[in-house]
Amino acid sequence: MTLLCADIGNSHTTLGLLDAGVVLDHWRVATDERRTADEWAVLLRGLLARSAAGDRVTGVAVCATVPAVLHEWRDMLVREFASAPHVVVEPGVRTGVPVLVDNPREVGADRIVNALAAATLYDGPAIVVDFGTATTFDVVSARGEYLGGAIAPGIDISLEALGRRGAQLRKVELLRPRTVIAKNTVEALQSGLVFGFASQVDGIVARIVGELAVPLAGVNVVATGGLAPIVVDECASFTDHQPWLTLLGLELVFGRNR
């Protein structure tokens, strides 16, 4: 079975073709709330036509944090993938993940999907750090329960905010600077963002591990998300970098709801 998985985020949509845990093909496109169901259909047909597995799609799994885009996807799925079963991750869909927070319906579908993937792929408690529009920290118990987490502003929106509010600051390419002590404005911005976010990750992870009251060596800390490569090598906390964690989780959810 070739499954089309779509993780619709605030800024980007990650698409992948999966077969039994193997990512056969993948794409990352802008999430545009103005894009209609017909436009999504044209975009998807073009991407699938470029893939050797594109004509073998037998199911679709979707999670979304943008309701307007999800509405268009529902319309598109009915018309373009009418013969293929599809699963949209939302309240009522079986994930097998107990959500132990005050209001489970408030938790983003992508965070639950990540928790399922982490609980399935890694032993023991896990922390998933997803670098997207926001940087989210999600905590999974050794029993596969979603315990909660933290949300911080993402790398890109932090850089955009500096550019808007700083009269002499501008948006720069997010690269590792030569040194922490920068000698020019561009590298000063890069230093603050790259090393600042790395320190933020290590600090929050250390606090989470402290609250879990377990040894750090027994916790899997997994990086994912489109912006993870910017800081993952600067963090001391990560035990793994799995860029396709959400797609793998979507495949697991689809299997539980067939």
C-alpha atoms as a PDB file:
ATOM      1  CA  MET A   1       0.000   0.000   0.000  1.00  0.00           C
ATOM      2  CA  THR A   2       1.303   3.469  -0.932  1.00  0.00           C
ATOM      3  CA  LEU A   3      -0.072   6.084   1.436  1.00  0.00           C
ATOM      4  CA  LEU A   4      -0.147   9.819   0.734  1.00  0.00           C
ATOM      5  CA  CYS A   5       0.506  11.649   4.013  1.00  0.00           C
ATOM      6  CA  ALA A   6       0.017  15.392   4.450  1.00  0.00           C
ATOM      7  CA  ASP A   7       1.118  17.436   7.445  1.00  0.00           C
ATOM      8  CA  ILE A   8      -0.503  20.847   6.923  1.00  0.00           C
ATOM      9  CA  GLY A   9       1.288  23.392   9.104  1.00  0.00           C
ATOM     10  CA  ASN A  10       0.869  27.129   9.495  1.00  0.00           C
ATOM     11  CA  SER A  11       3.711  28.010   7.124  1.00  0.00           C
ATOM     12  CA  HIS A  12       4.470  24.853   5.154  1.00  0.00           C
ATOM     13  CA  THR A  13       2.796  21.597   4.173  1.00  0.00           C
ATOM     14  CA  THR A  14       4.929  18.469   4.184  1.00  0.00           C
ATOM     15  CA  LEU A  15       3.780  15.734   1.816  1.00  0.00           C
ATOM     16  CA  GLY A  16       5.097  12.206   1.567  1.00  0.00           C
ATOM     17  CA  LEU A  17       4.458   8.854  -0.056  1.00  0.00           C
ATOM     18  CA  LEU A  18       4.961   6.060   2.471  1.00  0.00           C
ATOM     19  CA  ASP A  19       4.943   2.284   2.295  1.00  0.00           C
ATOM     20  CA  ALA A  20       5.350   0.269   5.523  1.00  0.00           C
ATOM     21  CA  GLY A  21       7.428   2.919   7.255  1.00  0.00           C
ATOM     22  CA  VAL A  22       9.554   3.762   4.222  1.00  0.00           C
ATOM     23  CA  VAL A  23       9.332   7.296   2.802  1.00  0.00           C
ATOM     24  CA  LEU A  24       9.325   6.762  -0.958  1.00  0.00           C
ATOM     25  CA  ASP A  25       9.060  10.430  -1.901  1.00  0.00           C
ATOM     26  CA  HIS A  26       8.497  13.733  -0.127  1.00  0.00           C
ATOM     27  CA  TRP A  27       7.805  17.404  -0.843  1.00  0.00           C
ATOM     28  CA  ARG A  28       7.512  20.635   1.145  1.00  0.00           C
ATOM     29  CA  VAL A  29       5.242  23.379  -0.188  1.00  0.00           C
ATOM     30  CA  ALA A  30       3.927  26.670   1.171  1.00  0.00           C
ATOM     31  CA  THR A  31       0.664  26.561   3.085  1.00  0.00           C
ATOM     32  CA  ASP A  32      -1.520  29.205   1.457  1.00  0.00           C
ATOM     33  CA  GLU A  33      -4.974  29.761   2.958  1.00  0.00           C
ATOM     34  CA  ARG A  34      -6.104  31.289  -0.348  1.00  0.00           C
ATOM     35  CA  ARG A  35      -5.384  28.100  -2.294  1.00  0.00           C
ATOM     36  CA  THR A  36      -8.621  26.404  -3.350  1.00  0.00           C
ATOM     37  CA  ALA A  37      -9.420  22.697  -3.535  1.00  0.00           C
ATOM     38  CA  ASP A  38      -8.912  22.824  -7.309  1.00  0.00           C
ATOM     39  CA  GLU A  39      -5.497  24.442  -6.892  1.00  0.00           C
ATOM     40  CA  TRP A  40      -4.449  21.832  -4.335  1.00  0.00           C
ATOM     41  CA  ALA A  41      -5.591  19.128  -6.756  1.00  0.00           C
ATOM     42  CA  VAL A  42      -3.472  20.583  -9.576  1.00  0.00           C
ATOM     43  CA  LEU A  43      -0.459  20.888  -7.264  1.00  0.00           C
ATOM     44  CA  LEU A  44      -0.808  17.319  -5.989  1.00  0.00           C
ATOM     45  CA  ARG A  45      -1.304  15.849  -9.459  1.00  0.00           C
ATOM     46  CA  GLY A  46       1.889  17.582 -10.618  1.00  0.00           C
ATOM     47  CA  LEU A  47       3.921  16.297  -7.670  1.00  0.00           C
ATOM     48  CA  LEU A  48       2.586  12.751  -7.902  1.00  0.00           C
ATOM     49  CA  ALA A  49       3.305  12.665 -11.636  1.00  0.00           C
ATOM     50  CA  ARG A  50       6.988  13.228 -10.836  1.00  0.00           C
ATOM     51  CA  SER A  51       7.157  10.224  -8.521  1.00  0.00           C
ATOM     52  CA  ALA A  52       7.570   6.597  -9.536  1.00  0.00           C
ATOM     53  CA  ALA A  53       5.084   5.707  -6.789  1.00  0.00           C
ATOM     54  CA  GLY A  54       2.675   8.522  -7.554  1.00  0.00           C
ATOM     55  CA  ASP A  55       0.217   6.358  -9.489  1.00  0.00           C
ATOM     56  CA  ARG A  56      -0.028   3.780  -6.690  1.00  0.00           C
ATOM     57  CA  VAL A  57      -1.726   5.876  -3.985  1.00  0.00           C
ATOM     58  CA  THR A  58      -4.256   3.675  -2.196  1.00  0.00           C
ATOM     59  CA  GLY A  59      -4.970   5.858   0.847  1.00  0.00           C
ATOM     60  CA  VAL A  60      -4.540   9.357   2.285  1.00  0.00           C
ATOM     61  CA  ALA A  61      -3.809  10.501   5.846  1.00  0.00           C
ATOM     62  CA  VAL A  62      -3.960  14.180   6.814  1.00  0.00           C
ATOM     63  CA  CYS A  63      -3.365  16.312   9.883  1.00  0.00           C
ATOM     64  CA  ALA A  64      -3.747  20.083   9.851  1.00  0.00           C
ATOM     65  CA  THR A  65      -3.368  23.123  12.082  1.00  0.00           C
ATOM     66  CA  VAL A  66      -5.054  25.483   9.579  1.00  0.00           C
ATOM     67  CA  PRO A  67      -8.846  24.967   9.467  1.00  0.00           C
ATOM     68  CA  ALA A  68      -9.353  26.935   6.228  1.00  0.00           C
ATOM     69  CA  VAL A  69      -6.827  24.765   4.378  1.00  0.00           C
ATOM     70  CA  LEU A  70      -8.240  21.563   5.865  1.00  0.00           C
ATOM     71  CA  HIS A  71     -11.682  22.560   4.555  1.00  0.00           C
ATOM     72  CA  GLU A  72     -10.301  22.770   1.006  1.00  0.00           C
ATOM     73  CA  TRP A  73      -8.466  19.469   1.453  1.00  0.00           C
ATOM     74  CA  ARG A  74     -11.675  17.706   2.501  1.00  0.00           C
ATOM     75  CA  ASP A  75     -13.337  18.931  -0.686  1.00  0.00           C
ATOM     76  CA  MET A  76     -10.335  17.956  -2.784  1.00  0.00           C
ATOM     77  CA  LEU A  77     -10.107  14.456  -1.268  1.00  0.00           C
ATOM     78  CA  VAL A  78     -13.750  13.700  -2.043  1.00  0.00           C
ATOM     79  CA  ARG A  79     -13.306  14.661  -5.692  1.00  0.00           C
ATOM     80  CA  GLU A  80      -9.724  13.619  -6.460  1.00  0.00           C
ATOM     81  CA  PHE A  81      -9.274  10.561  -4.225  1.00  0.00           C
ATOM     82  CA  ALA A  82     -12.823   9.270  -4.074  1.00  0.00           C
ATOM     83  CA  SER A  83     -11.743   5.641  -4.498  1.00  0.00           C
ATOM     84  CA  ALA A  84      -9.035   5.792  -1.816  1.00  0.00           C
ATOM     85  CA  PRO A  85      -9.855   5.671   1.906  1.00  0.00           C
ATOM     86  CA  HIS A  86      -8.683   8.719   3.791  1.00  0.00           C
ATOM     87  CA  VAL A  87      -8.220   9.609   7.442  1.00  0.00           C
ATOM     88  CA  VAL A  88      -8.174  13.140   8.828  1.00  0.00           C
ATOM     89  CA  VAL A  89      -6.694  13.284  12.327  1.00  0.00           C
ATOM     90  CA  GLU A  90      -9.245  15.030  14.538  1.00  0.00           C
ATOM     91  CA  PRO A  91     -11.215  14.312  17.730  1.00  0.00           C
ATOM     92  CA  GLY A  92     -12.831  10.896  17.414  1.00  0.00           C
ATOM     93  CA  VAL A  93     -10.107   9.370  15.284  1.00  0.00           C
ATOM     94  CA  ARG A  94      -8.341   6.445  16.943  1.00  0.00           C
ATOM     95  CA  THR A  95      -4.698   7.137  17.731  1.00  0.00           C
ATOM     96  CA  GLY A  96      -4.184   4.943  20.780  1.00  0.00           C
ATOM     97  CA  VAL A  97      -2.535   7.868  22.588  1.00  0.00           C
ATOM     98  CA  PRO A  98      -4.127   8.841  25.932  1.00  0.00           C
ATOM     99  CA  VAL A  99      -4.023  12.648  26.079  1.00  0.00           C
ATOM    100  CA  LEU A 100      -3.473  13.600  29.728  1.00  0.00           C
ATOM    101  CA  VAL A 101      -4.020  17.367  29.576  1.00  0.00           C
ATOM    102  CA  ASP A 102      -6.728  19.715  30.818  1.00  0.00           C
ATOM    103  CA  ASN A 103      -8.491  19.972  27.449  1.00  0.00           C
ATOM    104  CA  PRO A 104      -7.409  17.259  24.962  1.00  0.00           C
ATOM    105  CA  ARG A 105      -9.259  18.980  22.100  1.00  0.00           C
ATOM    106  CA  GLU A 106      -6.889  21.941  22.340  1.00  0.00           C
ATOM    107  CA  VAL A 107      -3.834  19.857  21.446  1.00  0.00           C
ATOM    108  CA  GLY A 108      -2.846  20.161  17.782  1.00  0.00           C
ATOM    109  CA  ALA A 109      -3.349  17.048  15.681  1.00  0.00           C
ATOM    110  CA  ASP A 110       0.285  17.123  14.565  1.00  0.00           C
ATOM    111  CA  ARG A 111       1.454  16.992  18.191  1.00  0.00           C
ATOM    112  CA  ILE A 112      -0.636  13.877  18.886  1.00  0.00           C
ATOM    113  CA  VAL A 113       0.643  12.272  15.690  1.00  0.00           C
ATOM    114  CA  ASN A 114       4.225  13.031  16.738  1.00  0.00           C
ATOM    115  CA  ALA A 115       3.550  11.531  20.155  1.00  0.00           C
ATOM    116  CA  LEU A 116       2.242   8.323  18.572  1.00  0.00           C
ATOM    117  CA  ALA A 117       5.274   8.048  16.307  1.00  0.00           C
ATOM    118  CA  ALA A 118       7.673   8.682  19.190  1.00  0.00           C
ATOM    119  CA  ALA A 119       5.944   6.133  21.429  1.00  0.00           C
ATOM    120  CA  THR A 120       6.073   3.544  18.626  1.00  0.00           C
ATOM    121  CA  LEU A 121       9.595   4.132  17.341  1.00  0.00           C
ATOM    122  CA  TYR A 122      11.440   4.782  20.618  1.00  0.00           C
ATOM    123  CA  ASP A 123      11.573   2.992  23.949  1.00  0.00           C
ATOM    124  CA  GLY A 124      10.902   4.721  27.222  1.00  0.00           C
ATOM    125  CA  PRO A 125       9.778   8.310  27.751  1.00  0.00           C
ATOM    126  CA  ALA A 126      10.397  10.711  24.889  1.00  0.00           C
ATOM    127  CA  ILE A 127      10.458  14.425  24.188  1.00  0.00           C
ATOM    128  CA  VAL A 128       9.663  15.563  20.655  1.00  0.00           C
ATOM    129  CA  VAL A 129      10.927  19.007  19.627  1.00  0.00           C
ATOM    130  CA  ASP A 130       9.210  20.132  16.425  1.00  0.00           C
ATOM    131  CA  PHE A 131      10.774  23.158  14.718  1.00  0.00           C
ATOM    132  CA  GLY A 132       8.064  24.845  12.667  1.00  0.00           C
ATOM    133  CA  THR A 133       6.213  28.165  12.796  1.00  0.00           C
ATOM    134  CA  ALA A 134       6.305  27.536  16.531  1.00  0.00           C
ATOM    135  CA  THR A 135       8.843  25.381  18.339  1.00  0.00           C
ATOM    136  CA  THR A 136       6.840  22.793  20.248  1.00  0.00           C
ATOM    137  CA  PHE A 137       8.011  20.447  22.983  1.00  0.00           C
ATOM    138  CA  ASP A 138       5.837  17.360  23.464  1.00  0.00           C
ATOM    139  CA  VAL A 139       6.338  14.845  26.260  1.00  0.00           C
ATOM    140  CA  VAL A 140       5.429  11.165  25.925  1.00  0.00           C
ATOM    141  CA  SER A 141       5.499   8.760  28.867  1.00  0.00           C
ATOM    142  CA  ALA A 142       7.010   5.293  28.786  1.00  0.00           C
ATOM    143  CA  ARG A 143       3.420   3.977  28.481  1.00  0.00           C
ATOM    144  CA  GLY A 144       2.773   6.055  25.351  1.00  0.00           C
ATOM    145  CA  GLU A 145       0.693   8.733  27.080  1.00  0.00           C
ATOM    146  CA  TYR A 146       0.774  12.343  25.925  1.00  0.00           C
ATOM    147  CA  LEU A 147       1.673  14.291  29.074  1.00  0.00           C
ATOM    148  CA  GLY A 148       1.720  17.848  27.704  1.00  0.00           C
ATOM    149  CA  GLY A 149       4.514  20.154  26.650  1.00  0.00           C
ATOM    150  CA  ALA A 150       5.584  23.692  25.848  1.00  0.00           C
ATOM    151  CA  ILE A 151       5.241  26.104  22.917  1.00  0.00           C
ATOM    152  CA  ALA A 152       7.791  28.781  22.009  1.00  0.00           C
ATOM    153  CA  PRO A 153       7.987  31.211  19.069  1.00  0.00           C
ATOM    154  CA  GLY A 154       9.594  29.604  16.036  1.00  0.00           C
ATOM    155  CA  ILE A 155      12.951  30.521  14.541  1.00  0.00           C
ATOM    156  CA  ASP A 156      11.569  32.136  11.383  1.00  0.00           C
ATOM    157  CA  ILE A 157       8.912  34.268  13.075  1.00  0.00           C
ATOM    158  CA  SER A 158      11.439  35.438  15.665  1.00  0.00           C
ATOM    159  CA  LEU A 159      13.718  36.593  12.866  1.00  0.00           C
ATOM    160  CA  GLU A 160      10.813  38.311  11.083  1.00  0.00           C
ATOM    161  CA  ALA A 161       9.807  40.100  14.287  1.00  0.00           C
ATOM    162  CA  LEU A 162      13.347  41.439  14.725  1.00  0.00           C
ATOM    163  CA  GLY A 163      13.325  42.708  11.158  1.00  0.00           C
ATOM    164  CA  ARG A 164      10.005  44.496  11.649  1.00  0.00           C
ATOM    165  CA  ARG A 165      10.773  46.075  15.017  1.00  0.00           C
ATOM    166  CA  GLY A 166      14.501  46.761  14.670  1.00  0.00           C
ATOM    167  CA  ALA A 167      15.199  49.872  12.580  1.00  0.00           C
ATOM    168  CA  GLN A 168      18.724  48.766  11.632  1.00  0.00           C
ATOM    169  CA  LEU A 169      18.073  45.019  11.570  1.00  0.00           C
ATOM    170  CA  ARG A 170      17.103  42.919   8.601  1.00  0.00           C
ATOM    171  CA  LYS A 171      16.240  39.336   7.791  1.00  0.00           C
ATOM    172  CA  VAL A 172      19.371  37.268   7.233  1.00  0.00           C
ATOM    173  CA  GLU A 173      20.087  33.751   6.066  1.00  0.00           C
ATOM    174  CA  LEU A 174      19.942  31.355   8.981  1.00  0.00           C
ATOM    175  CA  LEU A 175      23.428  29.862   9.035  1.00  0.00           C
ATOM    176  CA  ARG A 176      25.843  28.981  11.818  1.00  0.00           C
ATOM    177  CA  PRO A 177      28.103  32.004  12.344  1.00  0.00           C
ATOM    178  CA  ARG A 178      31.862  31.644  12.722  1.00  0.00           C
ATOM    179  CA  THR A 179      31.796  32.470  16.425  1.00  0.00           C
ATOM    180  CA  VAL A 180      29.312  33.284  19.169  1.00  0.00           C
ATOM    181  CA  ILE A 181      30.973  36.673  19.592  1.00  0.00           C
ATOM    182  CA  ALA A 182      30.038  38.136  16.225  1.00  0.00           C
ATOM    183  CA  LYS A 183      31.998  40.875  14.453  1.00  0.00           C
ATOM    184  CA  ASN A 184      29.162  42.205  12.273  1.00  0.00           C
ATOM    185  CA  THR A 185      25.373  42.634  12.407  1.00  0.00           C
ATOM    186  CA  VAL A 186      24.552  39.704  10.137  1.00  0.00           C
ATOM    187  CA  GLU A 187      26.559  37.235  12.196  1.00  0.00           C
ATOM    188  CA  ALA A 188      25.299  38.802  15.432  1.00  0.00           C
ATOM    189  CA  LEU A 189      21.744  37.992  14.348  1.00  0.00           C
ATOM    190  CA  GLN A 190      22.771  34.493  13.316  1.00  0.00           C
ATOM    191  CA  SER A 191      24.546  33.942  16.621  1.00  0.00           C
ATOM    192  CA  GLY A 192      21.588  35.082  18.698  1.00  0.00           C
ATOM    193  CA  LEU A 193      19.121  32.950  16.767  1.00  0.00           C
ATOM    194  CA  VAL A 194      21.120  29.750  16.213  1.00  0.00           C
ATOM    195  CA  PHE A 195      22.865  29.545  19.577  1.00  0.00           C
ATOM    196  CA  GLY A 196      19.972  31.173  21.399  1.00  0.00           C
ATOM    197  CA  PHE A 197      17.467  28.595  20.176  1.00  0.00           C
ATOM    198  CA  ALA A 198      19.915  25.759  20.837  1.00  0.00           C
ATOM    199  CA  SER A 199      20.282  26.952  24.431  1.00  0.00           C
ATOM    200  CA  GLN A 200      16.516  27.306  24.724  1.00  0.00           C
ATOM    201  CA  VAL A 201      16.038  23.711  23.623  1.00  0.00           C
ATOM    202  CA  ASP A 202      18.663  22.347  26.006  1.00  0.00           C
ATOM    203  CA  GLY A 203      17.262  24.416  28.858  1.00  0.00           C
ATOM    204  CA  ILE A 204      13.627  23.399  28.402  1.00  0.00           C
ATOM    205  CA  VAL A 205      14.554  19.746  27.864  1.00  0.00           C
ATOM    206  CA  ALA A 206      16.568  19.783  31.103  1.00  0.00           C
ATOM    207  CA  ARG A 207      13.603  21.225  32.991  1.00  0.00           C
ATOM    208  CA  ILE A 208      11.217  18.646  31.481  1.00  0.00           C
ATOM    209  CA  VAL A 209      13.535  15.790  32.435  1.00  0.00           C
ATOM    210  CA  GLY A 210      13.734  17.236  35.946  1.00  0.00           C
ATOM    211  CA  GLU A 211       9.931  17.207  36.251  1.00  0.00           C
ATOM    212  CA  LEU A 212       9.757  13.657  34.884  1.00  0.00           C
ATOM    213  CA  ALA A 213      12.201  12.643  37.622  1.00  0.00           C
ATOM    214  CA  VAL A 214      13.981  10.144  35.385  1.00  0.00           C
ATOM    215  CA  PRO A 215      17.650   9.956  34.350  1.00  0.00           C
ATOM    216  CA  LEU A 216      18.467  11.987  31.242  1.00  0.00           C
ATOM    217  CA  ALA A 217      20.083   8.898  29.711  1.00  0.00           C
ATOM    218  CA  GLY A 218      16.708   7.154  29.795  1.00  0.00           C
ATOM    219  CA  VAL A 219      14.851   9.817  27.782  1.00  0.00           C
ATOM    220  CA  ASN A 220      14.772   9.923  23.986  1.00  0.00           C
ATOM    221  CA  VAL A 221      14.853  13.510  22.695  1.00  0.00           C
ATOM    222  CA  VAL A 222      13.831  13.659  19.047  1.00  0.00           C
ATOM    223  CA  ALA A 223      14.136  16.623  16.693  1.00  0.00           C
ATOM    224  CA  THR A 224      11.779  17.042  13.772  1.00  0.00           C
ATOM    225  CA  GLY A 225      10.286  19.810  11.620  1.00  0.00           C
ATOM    226  CA  GLY A 226      11.480  21.782   8.623  1.00  0.00           C
ATOM    227  CA  LEU A 227      13.708  24.161  10.604  1.00  0.00           C
ATOM    228  CA  ALA A 228      15.394  21.491  12.748  1.00  0.00           C
ATOM    229  CA  PRO A 229      18.612  21.327  10.647  1.00  0.00           C
ATOM    230  CA  ILE A 230      19.400  24.937  11.592  1.00  0.00           C
ATOM    231  CA  VAL A 231      20.038  24.174  15.261  1.00  0.00           C
ATOM    232  CA  VAL A 232      20.043  20.412  15.744  1.00  0.00           C
ATOM    233  CA  ASP A 233      23.850  20.102  15.630  1.00  0.00           C
ATOM    234  CA  GLU A 234      24.226  22.862  18.227  1.00  0.00           C
ATOM    235  CA  CYS A 235      22.023  21.128  20.810  1.00  0.00           C
ATOM    236  CA  ALA A 236      23.425  18.693  23.345  1.00  0.00           C
ATOM    237  CA  SER A 237      20.038  17.158  24.181  1.00  0.00           C
ATOM    238  CA  PHE A 238      19.018  15.332  21.017  1.00  0.00           C
ATOM    239  CA  THR A 239      19.335  11.582  20.746  1.00  0.00           C
ATOM    240  CA  ASP A 240      17.859  11.451  17.229  1.00  0.00           C
ATOM    241  CA  HIS A 241      16.808  13.642  14.306  1.00  0.00           C
ATOM    242  CA  GLN A 242      13.807  12.199  12.476  1.00  0.00           C
ATOM    243  CA  PRO A 243      12.599  14.667   9.807  1.00  0.00           C
ATOM    244  CA  TRP A 244       9.677  12.433   8.807  1.00  0.00           C
ATOM    245  CA  LEU A 245       8.297  11.786  12.300  1.00  0.00           C
ATOM    246  CA  THR A 246       4.886  13.323  11.566  1.00  0.00           C
ATOM    247  CA  LEU A 247       4.517  11.463   8.271  1.00  0.00           C
ATOM    248  CA  LEU A 248       5.402   8.180   9.991  1.00  0.00           C
ATOM    249  CA  GLY A 249       2.855   8.967  12.685  1.00  0.00           C
ATOM    250  CA  LEU A 250       0.193   9.633  10.055  1.00  0.00           C
ATOM    251  CA  GLU A 251       0.850   6.210   8.549  1.00  0.00           C
ATOM    252  CA  LEU A 252       0.363   4.663  12.004  1.00  0.00           C
ATOM    253  CA  VAL A 253      -2.924   6.532  12.524  1.00  0.00           C
ATOM    254  CA  PHE A 254      -4.177   5.439   9.104  1.00  0.00           C
ATOM    255  CA  GLY A 255      -3.435   1.822   9.964  1.00  0.00           C
ATOM    256  CA  ARG A 256      -5.438   2.093  13.186  1.00  0.00           C
ATOM    257  CA  ASN A 257      -8.467   3.573  11.420  1.00  0.00           C
ATOM    258  CA  ARG A 258      -8.709   1.511   8.231  1.00  0.00           C
END
